[in-house]
PDB file of N, CA and C in Angstrom:
ATOM      1  N   MET A   1      37.894  25.458   7.997  1.00  0.00           N
ATOM      2  CA  MET A   1      38.530  26.767   7.946  1.00  0.00           C
ATOM      3  C   MET A   1      38.387  27.300   6.609  1.00  0.00           C
ATOM      4  N   ASN A   2      38.428  26.493   5.555  1.00  0.00           N
ATOM      5  CA  ASN A   2      38.347  26.873   4.156  1.00  0.00           C
ATOM      6  C   ASN A   2      36.894  27.459   3.924  1.00  0.00           C
ATOM      7  N   GLN A   3      35.911  26.774   4.523  1.00  0.00           N
ATOM      8  CA  GLN A   3      34.506  27.282   4.403  1.00  0.00           C
ATOM      9  C   GLN A   3      34.306  28.639   5.041  1.00  0.00           C
ATOM     10  N   ALA A   4      34.872  28.929   6.130  1.00  0.00           N
ATOM     11  CA  ALA A   4      34.786  30.114   6.883  1.00  0.00           C
ATOM     12  C   ALA A   4      35.432  31.259   5.966  1.00  0.00           C
ATOM     13  N   HIS A   5      36.601  31.011   5.380  1.00  0.00           N
ATOM     14  CA  HIS A   5      37.285  31.909   4.575  1.00  0.00           C
ATOM     15  C   HIS A   5      36.425  32.255   3.240  1.00  0.00           C
ATOM     16  N   GLY A   6      35.803  31.198   2.692  1.00  0.00           N
ATOM     17  CA  GLY A   6      34.902  31.387   1.574  1.00  0.00           C
ATOM     18  C   GLY A   6      33.724  32.255   1.888  1.00  0.00           C
ATOM     19  N   TRP A   7      33.189  32.047   3.081  1.00  0.00           N
ATOM     20  CA  TRP A   7      32.049  32.876   3.480  1.00  0.00           C
ATOM     21  C   TRP A   7      32.427  34.309   3.707  1.00  0.00           C
ATOM     22  N   MET A   8      33.583  34.562   4.251  1.00  0.00           N
ATOM     23  CA  MET A   8      34.135  35.921   4.460  1.00  0.00           C
ATOM     24  C   MET A   8      34.289  36.631   3.148  1.00  0.00           C
ATOM     25  N   THR A   9      34.980  35.954   2.208  1.00  0.00           N
ATOM     26  CA  THR A   9      35.200  36.637   0.941  1.00  0.00           C
ATOM     27  C   THR A   9      33.871  36.846   0.147  1.00  0.00           C
ATOM     28  N   GLY A  10      32.931  35.868   0.321  1.00  0.00           N
ATOM     29  CA  GLY A  10      31.614  36.002  -0.404  1.00  0.00           C
ATOM     30  C   GLY A  10      30.840  37.238   0.200  1.00  0.00           C
ATOM     31  N   TRP A  11      30.941  37.331   1.613  1.00  0.00           N
ATOM     32  CA  TRP A  11      30.247  38.449   2.250  1.00  0.00           C
ATOM     33  C   TRP A  11      30.830  39.736   1.946  1.00  0.00           C
ATOM     34  N   MET A  12      32.120  39.846   1.865  1.00  0.00           N
ATOM     35  CA  MET A  12      32.744  41.119   1.557  1.00  0.00           C
ATOM     36  C   MET A  12      32.615  41.496   0.123  1.00  0.00           C
ATOM     37  N   GLY A  13      32.640  40.536  -0.796  1.00  0.00           N
ATOM     38  CA  GLY A  13      32.462  40.761  -2.205  1.00  0.00           C
ATOM     39  C   GLY A  13      31.042  40.979  -2.651  1.00  0.00           C
ATOM     40  N   GLY A  14      30.258  39.828  -2.525  1.00  0.00           N
ATOM     41  CA  GLY A  14      28.875  39.817  -2.968  1.00  0.00           C
ATOM     42  C   GLY A  14      27.958  40.611  -2.143  1.00  0.00           C
ATOM     43  N   GLY A  15      28.317  40.677  -0.819  1.00  0.00           N
ATOM     44  CA  GLY A  15      27.435  41.395   0.137  1.00  0.00           C
ATOM     45  C   GLY A  15      27.612  42.800   0.223  1.00  0.00           C
ATOM     46  N   GLY A  16      28.609  43.416  -0.490  1.00  0.00           N
ATOM     47  CA  GLY A  16      28.892  44.845  -0.445  1.00  0.00           C
ATOM     48  C   GLY A  16      27.662  45.686  -0.758  1.00  0.00           C
ATOM     49  N   TRP A  17      26.958  45.279  -1.879  1.00  0.00           N
ATOM     50  CA  TRP A  17      25.839  46.021  -2.279  1.00  0.00           C
ATOM     51  C   TRP A  17      24.706  45.908  -1.172  1.00  0.00           C
ATOM     52  N   LEU A  18      24.624  44.819  -0.531  1.00  0.00           N
ATOM     53  CA  LEU A  18      23.624  44.599   0.557  1.00  0.00           C
ATOM     54  C   LEU A  18      23.804  45.572   1.694  1.00  0.00           C
ATOM     55  N   TRP A  19      25.042  45.773   2.054  1.00  0.00           N
ATOM     56  CA  TRP A  19      25.385  46.713   3.177  1.00  0.00           C
ATOM     57  C   TRP A  19      25.105  48.183   2.728  1.00  0.00           C
ATOM     58  N   ALA A  20      25.370  48.449   1.436  1.00  0.00           N
ATOM     59  CA  ALA A  20      25.108  49.833   0.871  1.00  0.00           C
ATOM     60  C   ALA A  20      23.582  50.060   0.946  1.00  0.00           C
ATOM     61  N   LEU A  21      22.797  49.039   0.599  1.00  0.00           N
ATOM     62  CA  LEU A  21      21.327  49.111   0.636  1.00  0.00           C
ATOM     63  C   LEU A  21      20.896  49.363   2.044  1.00  0.00           C
ATOM     64  N   ILE A  22      21.347  48.630   3.038  1.00  0.00           N
ATOM     65  CA  ILE A  22      21.067  48.792   4.473  1.00  0.00           C
ATOM     66  C   ILE A  22      21.363  50.156   4.917  1.00  0.00           C
ATOM     67  N   GLY A  23      22.529  50.662   4.522  1.00  0.00           N
ATOM     68  CA  GLY A  23      22.930  52.063   4.896  1.00  0.00           C
ATOM     69  C   GLY A  23      21.936  53.064   4.415  1.00  0.00           C
ATOM     70  N   VAL A  24      21.517  52.937   3.188  1.00  0.00           N
ATOM     71  CA  VAL A  24      20.613  53.900   2.573  1.00  0.00           C
ATOM     72  C   VAL A  24      19.255  53.859   3.269  1.00  0.00           C
ATOM     73  N   LEU A  25      18.779  52.619   3.602  1.00  0.00           N
ATOM     74  CA  LEU A  25      17.528  52.467   4.340  1.00  0.00           C
ATOM     75  C   LEU A  25      17.589  53.111   5.673  1.00  0.00           C
ATOM     76  N   VAL A  26      18.723  52.912   6.347  1.00  0.00           N
ATOM     77  CA  VAL A  26      18.923  53.488   7.739  1.00  0.00           C
ATOM     78  C   VAL A  26      18.827  55.030   7.604  1.00  0.00           C
ATOM     79  N   VAL A  27      19.506  55.656   6.626  1.00  0.00           N
ATOM     80  CA  VAL A  27      19.556  57.066   6.470  1.00  0.00           C
ATOM     81  C   VAL A  27      18.089  57.522   6.285  1.00  0.00           C
ATOM     82  N   VAL A  28      17.421  56.903   5.333  1.00  0.00           N
ATOM     83  CA  VAL A  28      15.962  57.266   4.998  1.00  0.00           C
ATOM     84  C   VAL A  28      15.075  57.242   6.254  1.00  0.00           C
ATOM     85  N   LEU A  29      15.292  56.153   7.022  1.00  0.00           N
ATOM     86  CA  LEU A  29      14.514  56.060   8.304  1.00  0.00           C
ATOM     87  C   LEU A  29      14.828  57.180   9.275  1.00  0.00           C
ATOM     88  N   LEU A  30      16.043  57.538   9.370  1.00  0.00           N
ATOM     89  CA  LEU A  30      16.483  58.650  10.279  1.00  0.00           C
ATOM     90  C   LEU A  30      15.855  59.937   9.847  1.00  0.00           C
ATOM     91  N   VAL A  31      15.873  60.212   8.534  1.00  0.00           N
ATOM     92  CA  VAL A  31      15.282  61.439   7.971  1.00  0.00           C
ATOM     93  C   VAL A  31      13.811  61.458   8.340  1.00  0.00           C
ATOM     94  N   VAL A  32      13.079  60.336   8.073  1.00  0.00           N
ATOM     95  CA  VAL A  32      11.669  60.313   8.437  1.00  0.00           C
ATOM     96  C   VAL A  32      11.403  60.598   9.903  1.00  0.00           C
ATOM     97  N   VAL A  33      12.174  59.989  10.750  1.00  0.00           N
ATOM     98  CA  VAL A  33      11.993  60.194  12.205  1.00  0.00           C
ATOM     99  C   VAL A  33      12.312  61.671  12.586  1.00  0.00           C
ATOM    100  N   ILE A  34      13.325  62.252  12.023  1.00  0.00           N
ATOM    101  CA  ILE A  34      13.688  63.668  12.303  1.00  0.00           C
ATOM    102  C   ILE A  34      12.577  64.651  11.819  1.00  0.00           C
ATOM    103  N   VAL A  35      11.985  64.298  10.638  1.00  0.00           N
ATOM    104  CA  VAL A  35      10.918  65.113  10.094  1.00  0.00           C
ATOM    105  C   VAL A  35       9.690  65.048  10.960  1.00  0.00           C
ATOM    106  N   LYS A  36       9.349  63.844  11.424  1.00  0.00           N
ATOM    107  CA  LYS A  36       8.198  63.627  12.273  1.00  0.00           C
ATOM    108  C   LYS A  36       8.389  64.356  13.595  1.00  0.00           C
ATOM    109  N   LEU A  37       9.647  64.299  14.183  1.00  0.00           N
ATOM    110  CA  LEU A  37       9.875  65.030  15.429  1.00  0.00           C
ATOM    111  C   LEU A  37       9.810  66.538  15.342  1.00  0.00           C
ATOM    112  N   THR A  38      10.329  67.066  14.259  1.00  0.00           N
ATOM    113  CA  THR A  38      10.276  68.472  14.061  1.00  0.00           C
ATOM    114  C   THR A  38       8.909  69.027  13.773  1.00  0.00           C
ATOM    115  N   LYS A  39       8.021  68.170  13.227  1.00  0.00           N
ATOM    116  CA  LYS A  39       6.586  68.571  12.862  1.00  0.00           C
ATOM    117  C   LYS A  39       5.737  68.712  14.131  1.00  0.00           C
ATOM    118  N   LYS A  40       6.166  68.115  15.221  1.00  0.00           N
ATOM    119  CA  LYS A  40       5.350  68.053  16.436  1.00  0.00           C
ATOM    120  C   LYS A  40       5.272  69.541  17.016  1.00  0.00           C
TER     121      LYS A  40
END
């Protein structure tokens, strides 16, 4: 149980920047897809 709690706190704390990076990448991919669709 202690290990699971440590993983959760580590994911929320240290992994915050990772989720921000993933969010930025998803937005960029969406923009690229929209641009490609509008160019057709």
